[in-house]
Amino acid sequence: FVLKEGLNTMTARIDHEGGSIYTDPLSIRYAPAVPNLHLLSIGIPAPDLKYTVKDARNMAQTFSNLYQEGGGFGSIFLDTLLQPEQTTKTEILKALRRYQYRYKSRQVNPQDLLIVFISSHGLRPEAGQFRIAASDFDNPFVEETSLDFSKDILEYLQDLPCKKLFLVDACHSGAGQDETPILSGGDQWYNVGRGQFPDTQFILSSRSDEYSYEDDRWQNGAFSEALIECLNDMAGGNLGADKDADGRLNSEELFQYLQERIPALVAGKRPKTSTGQHPVFYRPPSQKPFTLYGKAK
């Protein structure tokens, strides 16, 4: 017997030679487990970037405001890494490892959604490679003071059996991309496309040959500014990003919003930028977009 959501009533029948006997009805009210939202918001300070820390702080506050009324999740758990001593390579790896410990202690459940937001310098030391500069970044020691996005971040969380969405505001964050929102072969992204990370989706701030911009008018990165706008609109009841008008915002709809808004923001930046900025989205073809706001079906 498969329970349906809501009230279920069952009666058992026992057949014997003299006829049948029925038990009294048994009523069971079934409510499926509600997923929780876990957000790790990382803003890595850098001498030549003004708004990485503010990006991450604003992101955490915006998500908190959005989910005050539930938003389809049972609870929201926020972690922020904002200070130089919190955002070294070692400390970021420790923060990622804590989610594995939380899963083992049942603080993270398989139906939950983990969102990892990162604002920092993006590096392309080799073709097809993408690294995140840590707060102690030292150019002669790239491997020691930056994180390989695939090996140091994705693989750290690979065994965590929940949904994972990465939002990355950094130059060259689409490294390994072709010009379509489908991650292609020939580099570290090949394993992603082959299903090495089946419960993982990505929205990246720029293509591999582009910069990700920030501006004093926005006081954020363009990617972060557009993200915050979209989420604030949802919190305020403006559902313009909800393309299918089902009352929910999913990862693909969020990307569609960013795809229109980010180039418009950057086009108005003065002086004129040396490149455009176009976000990149990936989800495994067999996987539906993640519901980010609104009760999932």
C-alpha atoms as a PDB file:
ATOM      1  CA  PHE A   1       0.000   0.000   0.000  1.00  0.00           C
ATOM      2  CA  VAL A   2       1.495   3.323  -1.086  1.00  0.00           C
ATOM      3  CA  LEU A   3       0.568   6.277   1.108  1.00  0.00           C
ATOM      4  CA  LYS A   4      -0.660   9.425  -0.605  1.00  0.00           C
ATOM      5  CA  GLU A   5      -0.020  12.863   0.789  1.00  0.00           C
ATOM      6  CA  GLY A   6      -2.811  13.746   3.213  1.00  0.00           C
ATOM      7  CA  LEU A   7      -5.332  11.418   4.849  1.00  0.00           C
ATOM      8  CA  ASN A   8      -5.202   7.704   3.971  1.00  0.00           C
ATOM      9  CA  THR A   9      -7.812   5.229   5.220  1.00  0.00           C
ATOM     10  CA  MET A  10      -7.194   1.483   5.131  1.00  0.00           C
ATOM     11  CA  THR A  11      -9.344  -1.546   5.939  1.00  0.00           C
ATOM     12  CA  ALA A  12      -8.106  -5.128   5.917  1.00  0.00           C
ATOM     13  CA  ARG A  13     -10.266  -8.046   4.733  1.00  0.00           C
ATOM     14  CA  ILE A  14      -9.711 -11.585   5.964  1.00  0.00           C
ATOM     15  CA  ASP A  15     -11.339 -14.322   3.848  1.00  0.00           C
ATOM     16  CA  HIS A  16     -12.217 -17.718   5.339  1.00  0.00           C
ATOM     17  CA  GLU A  17     -14.572 -20.596   4.612  1.00  0.00           C
ATOM     18  CA  GLY A  18     -17.475 -18.920   6.357  1.00  0.00           C
ATOM     19  CA  GLY A  19     -17.092 -15.590   4.581  1.00  0.00           C
ATOM     20  CA  SER A  20     -15.020 -12.484   5.152  1.00  0.00           C
ATOM     21  CA  ILE A  21     -14.121 -10.386   8.155  1.00  0.00           C
ATOM     22  CA  TYR A  22     -13.255  -6.674   7.891  1.00  0.00           C
ATOM     23  CA  THR A  23     -11.108  -4.809  10.357  1.00  0.00           C
ATOM     24  CA  ASP A  24     -12.002  -1.391  11.655  1.00  0.00           C
ATOM     25  CA  PRO A  25     -10.746   1.428   9.405  1.00  0.00           C
ATOM     26  CA  LEU A  26      -7.247   2.691  10.120  1.00  0.00           C
ATOM     27  CA  SER A  27      -6.543   6.317   9.229  1.00  0.00           C
ATOM     28  CA  ILE A  28      -3.014   7.586   8.579  1.00  0.00           C
ATOM     29  CA  ARG A  29      -2.166  11.170   7.704  1.00  0.00           C
ATOM     30  CA  TYR A  30       0.999  11.233   5.619  1.00  0.00           C
ATOM     31  CA  ALA A  31       3.194  14.290   5.106  1.00  0.00           C
ATOM     32  CA  PRO A  32       6.374  13.690   3.083  1.00  0.00           C
ATOM     33  CA  ALA A  33       9.644  14.958   4.495  1.00  0.00           C
ATOM     34  CA  VAL A  34      10.199  18.638   3.668  1.00  0.00           C
ATOM     35  CA  PRO A  35      13.691  19.415   2.381  1.00  0.00           C
ATOM     36  CA  ASN A  36      15.903  21.904   4.177  1.00  0.00           C
ATOM     37  CA  LEU A  37      18.076  24.506   2.491  1.00  0.00           C
ATOM     38  CA  HIS A  38      21.756  24.809   3.391  1.00  0.00           C
ATOM     39  CA  LEU A  39      23.662  27.861   2.139  1.00  0.00           C
ATOM     40  CA  LEU A  40      27.412  28.334   2.302  1.00  0.00           C
ATOM     41  CA  SER A  41      28.192  31.899   1.189  1.00  0.00           C
ATOM     42  CA  ILE A  42      31.887  32.597   0.616  1.00  0.00           C
ATOM     43  CA  GLY A  43      33.268  36.077  -0.079  1.00  0.00           C
ATOM     44  CA  ILE A  44      37.031  35.986  -0.476  1.00  0.00           C
ATOM     45  CA  PRO A  45      38.790  39.309   0.192  1.00  0.00           C
ATOM     46  CA  ALA A  46      41.284  40.495  -2.421  1.00  0.00           C
ATOM     47  CA  PRO A  47      43.276  43.748  -2.596  1.00  0.00           C
ATOM     48  CA  ASP A  48      42.025  44.575  -6.097  1.00  0.00           C
ATOM     49  CA  LEU A  49      38.374  43.565  -5.633  1.00  0.00           C
ATOM     50  CA  LYS A  50      35.999  45.774  -3.643  1.00  0.00           C
ATOM     51  CA  TYR A  51      32.792  43.796  -3.344  1.00  0.00           C
ATOM     52  CA  THR A  52      33.486  40.058  -2.953  1.00  0.00           C
ATOM     53  CA  VAL A  53      32.780  40.118   0.785  1.00  0.00           C
ATOM     54  CA  LYS A  54      29.684  42.268   0.288  1.00  0.00           C
ATOM     55  CA  ASP A  55      28.504  39.900  -2.455  1.00  0.00           C
ATOM     56  CA  ALA A  56      28.546  36.973  -0.033  1.00  0.00           C
ATOM     57  CA  ARG A  57      27.092  38.923   2.878  1.00  0.00           C
ATOM     58  CA  ASN A  58      24.261  40.273   0.721  1.00  0.00           C
ATOM     59  CA  MET A  59      23.609  36.823  -0.710  1.00  0.00           C
ATOM     60  CA  ALA A  60      23.202  35.291   2.742  1.00  0.00           C
ATOM     61  CA  GLN A  61      20.879  38.101   3.858  1.00  0.00           C
ATOM     62  CA  THR A  62      18.809  37.890   0.665  1.00  0.00           C
ATOM     63  CA  PHE A  63      18.308  34.141   0.999  1.00  0.00           C
ATOM     64  CA  SER A  64      17.400  34.611   4.658  1.00  0.00           C
ATOM     65  CA  ASN A  65      14.765  37.228   3.762  1.00  0.00           C
ATOM     66  CA  LEU A  66      13.380  35.072   0.952  1.00  0.00           C
ATOM     67  CA  TYR A  67      12.849  32.048   3.164  1.00  0.00           C
ATOM     68  CA  GLN A  68      11.435  33.733   6.253  1.00  0.00           C
ATOM     69  CA  GLU A  69       8.021  32.413   5.225  1.00  0.00           C
ATOM     70  CA  GLY A  70       9.282  28.932   4.395  1.00  0.00           C
ATOM     71  CA  GLY A  71       9.535  29.126   0.630  1.00  0.00           C
ATOM     72  CA  GLY A  72       9.017  25.389   0.242  1.00  0.00           C
ATOM     73  CA  PHE A  73      11.838  24.428   2.620  1.00  0.00           C
ATOM     74  CA  GLY A  74      11.491  23.272   6.185  1.00  0.00           C
ATOM     75  CA  SER A  75      14.438  25.271   7.531  1.00  0.00           C
ATOM     76  CA  ILE A  76      17.329  27.301   6.170  1.00  0.00           C
ATOM     77  CA  PHE A  77      20.835  26.929   7.568  1.00  0.00           C
ATOM     78  CA  LEU A  78      23.328  29.681   6.721  1.00  0.00           C
ATOM     79  CA  ASP A  79      27.113  29.609   6.920  1.00  0.00           C
ATOM     80  CA  THR A  80      29.290  32.529   5.808  1.00  0.00           C
ATOM     81  CA  LEU A  81      33.031  32.788   5.225  1.00  0.00           C
ATOM     82  CA  LEU A  82      33.921  36.472   4.899  1.00  0.00           C
ATOM     83  CA  GLN A  83      37.138  37.257   6.756  1.00  0.00           C
ATOM     84  CA  PRO A  84      40.689  36.697   5.451  1.00  0.00           C
ATOM     85  CA  GLU A  85      41.386  34.113   8.139  1.00  0.00           C
ATOM     86  CA  GLN A  86      38.201  32.221   7.193  1.00  0.00           C
ATOM     87  CA  THR A  87      38.860  32.118   3.461  1.00  0.00           C
ATOM     88  CA  THR A  88      42.282  30.555   3.119  1.00  0.00           C
ATOM     89  CA  LYS A  89      42.365  27.358   1.088  1.00  0.00           C
ATOM     90  CA  THR A  90      42.569  25.226   4.238  1.00  0.00           C
ATOM     91  CA  GLU A  91      39.641  26.945   5.970  1.00  0.00           C
ATOM     92  CA  ILE A  92      37.408  26.689   2.894  1.00  0.00           C
ATOM     93  CA  LEU A  93      38.178  22.968   2.587  1.00  0.00           C
ATOM     94  CA  LYS A  94      37.342  22.530   6.275  1.00  0.00           C
ATOM     95  CA  ALA A  95      34.006  24.309   5.755  1.00  0.00           C
ATOM     96  CA  LEU A  96      33.165  21.950   2.872  1.00  0.00           C
ATOM     97  CA  ARG A  97      34.195  18.909   4.916  1.00  0.00           C
ATOM     98  CA  ARG A  98      31.816  19.910   7.709  1.00  0.00           C
ATOM     99  CA  TYR A  99      28.869  19.138   5.429  1.00  0.00           C
ATOM    100  CA  GLN A 100      30.002  15.514   5.268  1.00  0.00           C
ATOM    101  CA  TYR A 101      30.147  15.424   9.067  1.00  0.00           C
ATOM    102  CA  ARG A 102      26.698  16.991   9.242  1.00  0.00           C
ATOM    103  CA  TYR A 103      25.319  14.343   6.924  1.00  0.00           C
ATOM    104  CA  LYS A 104      26.738  11.597   9.119  1.00  0.00           C
ATOM    105  CA  SER A 105      25.048  13.211  12.132  1.00  0.00           C
ATOM    106  CA  ARG A 106      21.777  13.566  10.141  1.00  0.00           C
ATOM    107  CA  GLN A 107      21.902  17.357  10.021  1.00  0.00           C
ATOM    108  CA  VAL A 108      21.919  17.135   6.214  1.00  0.00           C
ATOM    109  CA  ASN A 109      19.412  14.779   4.587  1.00  0.00           C
ATOM    110  CA  PRO A 110      19.293  13.286   1.066  1.00  0.00           C
ATOM    111  CA  GLN A 111      16.257  15.390   0.080  1.00  0.00           C
ATOM    112  CA  ASP A 112      17.949  18.671   1.117  1.00  0.00           C
ATOM    113  CA  LEU A 113      19.452  21.319  -1.166  1.00  0.00           C
ATOM    114  CA  LEU A 114      22.944  22.712  -0.576  1.00  0.00           C
ATOM    115  CA  ILE A 115      23.780  26.003  -2.303  1.00  0.00           C
ATOM    116  CA  VAL A 116      27.437  27.071  -2.396  1.00  0.00           C
ATOM    117  CA  PHE A 117      27.955  30.704  -3.395  1.00  0.00           C
ATOM    118  CA  ILE A 118      31.502  31.923  -4.076  1.00  0.00           C
ATOM    119  CA  SER A 119      32.718  35.413  -4.985  1.00  0.00           C
ATOM    120  CA  SER A 120      36.436  35.710  -5.703  1.00  0.00           C
ATOM    121  CA  HIS A 121      39.103  35.926  -8.373  1.00  0.00           C
ATOM    122  CA  GLY A 122      38.849  33.162 -10.959  1.00  0.00           C
ATOM    123  CA  LEU A 123      42.063  31.784 -12.434  1.00  0.00           C
ATOM    124  CA  ARG A 124      42.919  29.895 -15.614  1.00  0.00           C
ATOM    125  CA  PRO A 125      46.511  28.734 -15.065  1.00  0.00           C
ATOM    126  CA  GLU A 126      46.054  26.080 -17.752  1.00  0.00           C
ATOM    127  CA  ALA A 127      43.648  25.640 -20.655  1.00  0.00           C
ATOM    128  CA  GLY A 128      40.374  24.158 -19.465  1.00  0.00           C
ATOM    129  CA  GLN A 129      41.254  24.556 -15.785  1.00  0.00           C
ATOM    130  CA  PHE A 130      39.391  26.795 -13.374  1.00  0.00           C
ATOM    131  CA  ARG A 131      40.676  27.721  -9.918  1.00  0.00           C
ATOM    132  CA  ILE A 132      39.355  29.965  -7.137  1.00  0.00           C
ATOM    133  CA  ALA A 133      41.901  32.283  -5.489  1.00  0.00           C
ATOM    134  CA  ALA A 134      41.891  31.989  -1.686  1.00  0.00           C
ATOM    135  CA  SER A 135      42.508  34.989   0.581  1.00  0.00           C
ATOM    136  CA  ASP A 136      46.152  33.982   1.024  1.00  0.00           C
ATOM    137  CA  PHE A 137      46.686  33.682  -2.732  1.00  0.00           C
ATOM    138  CA  ASP A 138      50.327  33.940  -3.749  1.00  0.00           C
ATOM    139  CA  ASN A 139      50.952  33.811  -7.487  1.00  0.00           C
ATOM    140  CA  PRO A 140      54.153  31.719  -7.426  1.00  0.00           C
ATOM    141  CA  PHE A 141      52.253  29.133  -5.345  1.00  0.00           C
ATOM    142  CA  VAL A 142      49.007  28.804  -7.270  1.00  0.00           C
ATOM    143  CA  GLU A 143      48.222  25.215  -6.260  1.00  0.00           C
ATOM    144  CA  GLU A 144      48.943  25.890  -2.596  1.00  0.00           C
ATOM    145  CA  THR A 145      46.857  29.080  -2.333  1.00  0.00           C
ATOM    146  CA  SER A 146      43.919  28.484  -4.684  1.00  0.00           C
ATOM    147  CA  LEU A 147      41.289  25.790  -5.092  1.00  0.00           C
ATOM    148  CA  ASP A 148      40.844  23.616  -8.148  1.00  0.00           C
ATOM    149  CA  PHE A 149      37.087  23.881  -8.681  1.00  0.00           C
ATOM    150  CA  SER A 150      36.704  20.276  -9.751  1.00  0.00           C
ATOM    151  CA  LYS A 151      39.133  18.468  -7.433  1.00  0.00           C
ATOM    152  CA  ASP A 152      39.082  20.675  -4.339  1.00  0.00           C
ATOM    153  CA  ILE A 153      35.410  21.662  -4.292  1.00  0.00           C
ATOM    154  CA  LEU A 154      33.232  19.315  -6.345  1.00  0.00           C
ATOM    155  CA  GLU A 155      35.029  16.131  -5.332  1.00  0.00           C
ATOM    156  CA  TYR A 156      35.040  17.215  -1.676  1.00  0.00           C
ATOM    157  CA  LEU A 157      31.237  17.176  -1.799  1.00  0.00           C
ATOM    158  CA  GLN A 158      30.812  14.351  -4.295  1.00  0.00           C
ATOM    159  CA  ASP A 159      29.750  11.775  -1.687  1.00  0.00           C
ATOM    160  CA  LEU A 160      27.233  14.115  -0.052  1.00  0.00           C
ATOM    161  CA  PRO A 161      23.917  12.562  -1.202  1.00  0.00           C
ATOM    162  CA  CYS A 162      21.832  15.710  -1.527  1.00  0.00           C
ATOM    163  CA  LYS A 163      21.160  18.184  -4.312  1.00  0.00           C
ATOM    164  CA  LYS A 164      23.953  20.719  -4.815  1.00  0.00           C
ATOM    165  CA  LEU A 165      23.846  24.048  -6.655  1.00  0.00           C
ATOM    166  CA  PHE A 166      26.992  26.130  -7.196  1.00  0.00           C
ATOM    167  CA  LEU A 167      26.709  29.873  -7.836  1.00  0.00           C
ATOM    168  CA  VAL A 168      30.130  31.287  -8.744  1.00  0.00           C
ATOM    169  CA  ASP A 169      30.889  34.977  -9.277  1.00  0.00           C
ATOM    170  CA  ALA A 170      34.434  34.967 -10.673  1.00  0.00           C
ATOM    171  CA  CYS A 171      36.291  35.733 -13.889  1.00  0.00           C
ATOM    172  CA  HIS A 172      36.615  32.821 -16.324  1.00  0.00           C
ATOM    173  CA  SER A 173      34.199  30.702 -14.246  1.00  0.00           C
ATOM    174  CA  GLY A 174      32.969  29.003 -17.400  1.00  0.00           C
ATOM    175  CA  ALA A 175      36.488  27.715 -18.112  1.00  0.00           C
ATOM    176  CA  GLY A 176      36.225  24.527 -20.110  1.00  0.00           C
ATOM    177  CA  GLN A 177      33.000  25.730 -21.714  1.00  0.00           C
ATOM    178  CA  ASP A 178      32.112  26.065 -25.313  1.00  0.00           C
ATOM    179  CA  GLU A 179      29.738  28.898 -26.190  1.00  0.00           C
ATOM    180  CA  THR A 180      26.574  26.998 -25.258  1.00  0.00           C
ATOM    181  CA  PRO A 181      25.227  26.272 -21.766  1.00  0.00           C
ATOM    182  CA  ILE A 182      26.258  22.617 -22.063  1.00  0.00           C
ATOM    183  CA  LEU A 183      29.544  21.612 -20.477  1.00  0.00           C
ATOM    184  CA  SER A 184      31.719  19.878 -23.033  1.00  0.00           C
ATOM    185  CA  GLY A 185      34.529  17.342 -23.122  1.00  0.00           C
ATOM    186  CA  GLY A 186      38.275  17.675 -23.324  1.00  0.00           C
ATOM    187  CA  ASP A 187      38.992  19.000 -19.835  1.00  0.00           C
ATOM    188  CA  GLN A 188      37.865  18.780 -16.226  1.00  0.00           C
ATOM    189  CA  TRP A 189      34.251  19.546 -17.187  1.00  0.00           C
ATOM    190  CA  TYR A 190      34.119  16.325 -19.187  1.00  0.00           C
ATOM    191  CA  ASN A 191      33.621  14.326 -16.004  1.00  0.00           C
ATOM    192  CA  VAL A 192      30.763  16.617 -15.028  1.00  0.00           C
ATOM    193  CA  GLY A 193      29.085  16.045 -18.375  1.00  0.00           C
ATOM    194  CA  ARG A 194      29.646  12.298 -18.093  1.00  0.00           C
ATOM    195  CA  GLY A 195      27.677  12.222 -14.856  1.00  0.00           C
ATOM    196  CA  GLN A 196      30.435  12.140 -12.254  1.00  0.00           C
ATOM    197  CA  PHE A 197      28.404  14.673 -10.257  1.00  0.00           C
ATOM    198  CA  PRO A 198      24.806  13.606 -10.961  1.00  0.00           C
ATOM    199  CA  ASP A 199      23.137  15.668  -8.203  1.00  0.00           C
ATOM    200  CA  THR A 200      24.986  18.877  -9.018  1.00  0.00           C
ATOM    201  CA  GLN A 201      24.016  21.948 -11.027  1.00  0.00           C
ATOM    202  CA  PHE A 202      26.021  25.094 -11.764  1.00  0.00           C
ATOM    203  CA  ILE A 203      25.312  28.703 -12.596  1.00  0.00           C
ATOM    204  CA  LEU A 204      28.607  30.431 -13.395  1.00  0.00           C
ATOM    205  CA  SER A 205      29.013  34.164 -13.840  1.00  0.00           C
ATOM    206  CA  SER A 206      30.930  34.285 -17.129  1.00  0.00           C
ATOM    207  CA  ARG A 207      32.287  32.287 -20.022  1.00  0.00           C
ATOM    208  CA  SER A 208      35.835  30.998 -19.989  1.00  0.00           C
ATOM    209  CA  ASP A 209      37.204  33.908 -22.037  1.00  0.00           C
ATOM    210  CA  GLU A 210      35.279  36.612 -20.170  1.00  0.00           C
ATOM    211  CA  TYR A 211      35.768  38.668 -17.036  1.00  0.00           C
ATOM    212  CA  SER A 212      33.184  39.033 -14.287  1.00  0.00           C
ATOM    213  CA  TYR A 213      32.672  42.705 -13.452  1.00  0.00           C
ATOM    214  CA  GLU A 214      31.828  44.703 -10.361  1.00  0.00           C
ATOM    215  CA  ASP A 215      30.858  48.362 -10.195  1.00  0.00           C
ATOM    216  CA  ASP A 216      30.459  51.135  -7.619  1.00  0.00           C
ATOM    217  CA  ARG A 217      26.921  51.806  -8.854  1.00  0.00           C
ATOM    218  CA  TRP A 218      25.838  48.262  -8.024  1.00  0.00           C
ATOM    219  CA  GLN A 219      28.273  47.831  -5.104  1.00  0.00           C
ATOM    220  CA  ASN A 220      28.302  44.163  -6.062  1.00  0.00           C
ATOM    221  CA  GLY A 221      29.499  41.981  -8.875  1.00  0.00           C
ATOM    222  CA  ALA A 222      27.120  42.021 -11.850  1.00  0.00           C
ATOM    223  CA  PHE A 223      26.330  38.328 -11.279  1.00  0.00           C
ATOM    224  CA  SER A 224      25.653  38.862  -7.573  1.00  0.00           C
ATOM    225  CA  GLU A 225      23.619  42.014  -8.255  1.00  0.00           C
ATOM    226  CA  ALA A 226      21.368  40.201 -10.724  1.00  0.00           C
ATOM    227  CA  LEU A 227      20.968  37.222  -8.386  1.00  0.00           C
ATOM    228  CA  ILE A 228      19.979  39.494  -5.513  1.00  0.00           C
ATOM    229  CA  GLU A 229      17.515  41.400  -7.716  1.00  0.00           C
ATOM    230  CA  CYS A 230      15.813  38.189  -8.793  1.00  0.00           C
ATOM    231  CA  LEU A 231      15.518  36.786  -5.279  1.00  0.00           C
ATOM    232  CA  ASN A 232      14.298  40.102  -3.861  1.00  0.00           C
ATOM    233  CA  ASP A 233      11.657  40.234  -6.585  1.00  0.00           C
ATOM    234  CA  MET A 234      10.431  36.775  -5.559  1.00  0.00           C
ATOM    235  CA  ALA A 235      10.355  37.788  -1.887  1.00  0.00           C
ATOM    236  CA  GLY A 236       8.344  40.889  -2.825  1.00  0.00           C
ATOM    237  CA  GLY A 237       5.793  38.908  -4.810  1.00  0.00           C
ATOM    238  CA  ASN A 238       7.107  39.893  -8.249  1.00  0.00           C
ATOM    239  CA  LEU A 239       7.169  36.558 -10.041  1.00  0.00           C
ATOM    240  CA  GLY A 240       8.509  37.805 -13.378  1.00  0.00           C
ATOM    241  CA  ALA A 241      11.320  35.230 -13.333  1.00  0.00           C
ATOM    242  CA  ASP A 242       8.738  32.437 -12.955  1.00  0.00           C
ATOM    243  CA  LYS A 243       8.494  31.731 -16.678  1.00  0.00           C
ATOM    244  CA  ASP A 244       5.959  28.911 -16.455  1.00  0.00           C
ATOM    245  CA  ALA A 245       3.814  30.777 -13.888  1.00  0.00           C
ATOM    246  CA  ASP A 246       3.644  27.833 -11.499  1.00  0.00           C
ATOM    247  CA  GLY A 247       4.476  29.923  -8.431  1.00  0.00           C
ATOM    248  CA  ARG A 248       7.974  28.483  -8.133  1.00  0.00           C
ATOM    249  CA  LEU A 249      11.455  29.558  -9.114  1.00  0.00           C
ATOM    250  CA  ASN A 250      13.791  26.842 -10.364  1.00  0.00           C
ATOM    251  CA  SER A 251      17.458  26.854 -11.330  1.00  0.00           C
ATOM    252  CA  GLU A 252      16.745  27.089 -15.059  1.00  0.00           C
ATOM    253  CA  GLU A 253      14.381  30.025 -14.619  1.00  0.00           C
ATOM    254  CA  LEU A 254      16.981  31.755 -12.456  1.00  0.00           C
ATOM    255  CA  PHE A 255      19.557  31.281 -15.201  1.00  0.00           C
ATOM    256  CA  GLN A 256      17.179  32.673 -17.831  1.00  0.00           C
ATOM    257  CA  TYR A 257      16.763  35.793 -15.695  1.00  0.00           C
ATOM    258  CA  LEU A 258      20.524  36.154 -15.255  1.00  0.00           C
ATOM    259  CA  GLN A 259      21.111  35.530 -18.957  1.00  0.00           C
ATOM    260  CA  GLU A 260      19.110  38.653 -19.786  1.00  0.00           C
ATOM    261  CA  ARG A 261      20.002  40.867 -16.832  1.00  0.00           C
ATOM    262  CA  ILE A 262      23.782  40.468 -16.531  1.00  0.00           C
ATOM    263  CA  PRO A 263      24.678  41.556 -20.105  1.00  0.00           C
ATOM    264  CA  ALA A 264      22.375  44.554 -19.668  1.00  0.00           C
ATOM    265  CA  LEU A 265      24.113  45.595 -16.443  1.00  0.00           C
ATOM    266  CA  VAL A 266      27.581  45.205 -17.952  1.00  0.00           C
ATOM    267  CA  ALA A 267      26.639  47.032 -21.165  1.00  0.00           C
ATOM    268  CA  GLY A 268      25.937  50.140 -19.083  1.00  0.00           C
ATOM    269  CA  LYS A 269      29.234  50.029 -17.199  1.00  0.00           C
ATOM    270  CA  ARG A 270      31.613  52.940 -17.813  1.00  0.00           C
ATOM    271  CA  PRO A 271      34.285  52.906 -19.013  1.00  0.00           C
ATOM    272  CA  LYS A 272      33.207  50.283 -21.524  1.00  0.00           C
ATOM    273  CA  THR A 273      34.342  46.776 -20.621  1.00  0.00           C
ATOM    274  CA  SER A 274      36.906  44.833 -22.641  1.00  0.00           C
ATOM    275  CA  THR A 275      34.611  41.792 -22.846  1.00  0.00           C
ATOM    276  CA  GLY A 276      30.953  41.072 -22.414  1.00  0.00           C
ATOM    277  CA  GLN A 277      29.707  38.926 -19.556  1.00  0.00           C
ATOM    278  CA  HIS A 278      27.383  35.983 -20.151  1.00  0.00           C
ATOM    279  CA  PRO A 279      26.507  33.468 -17.428  1.00  0.00           C
ATOM    280  CA  VAL A 280      26.729  29.726 -17.979  1.00  0.00           C
ATOM    281  CA  PHE A 281      24.354  27.012 -16.729  1.00  0.00           C
ATOM    282  CA  TYR A 282      24.747  23.280 -16.504  1.00  0.00           C
ATOM    283  CA  ARG A 283      22.516  20.516 -15.257  1.00  0.00           C
ATOM    284  CA  PRO A 284      22.723  16.826 -16.155  1.00  0.00           C
ATOM    285  CA  PRO A 285      20.344  16.140 -19.073  1.00  0.00           C
ATOM    286  CA  SER A 286      18.473  13.518 -17.042  1.00  0.00           C
ATOM    287  CA  GLN A 287      17.914  15.862 -14.106  1.00  0.00           C
ATOM    288  CA  LYS A 288      15.106  18.355 -13.656  1.00  0.00           C
ATOM    289  CA  PRO A 289      15.920  21.927 -12.608  1.00  0.00           C
ATOM    290  CA  PHE A 290      16.151  22.355  -8.833  1.00  0.00           C
ATOM    291  CA  THR A 291      13.259  24.132  -7.162  1.00  0.00           C
ATOM    292  CA  LEU A 292      14.741  27.135  -5.337  1.00  0.00           C
ATOM    293  CA  TYR A 293      11.569  28.819  -4.122  1.00  0.00           C
ATOM    294  CA  GLY A 294       8.013  27.610  -3.800  1.00  0.00           C
ATOM    295  CA  LYS A 295       6.712  24.220  -2.820  1.00  0.00           C
ATOM    296  CA  ALA A 296       7.916  21.468  -5.170  1.00  0.00           C
ATOM    297  CA  LYS A 297       5.355  19.126  -6.711  1.00  0.00           C
END
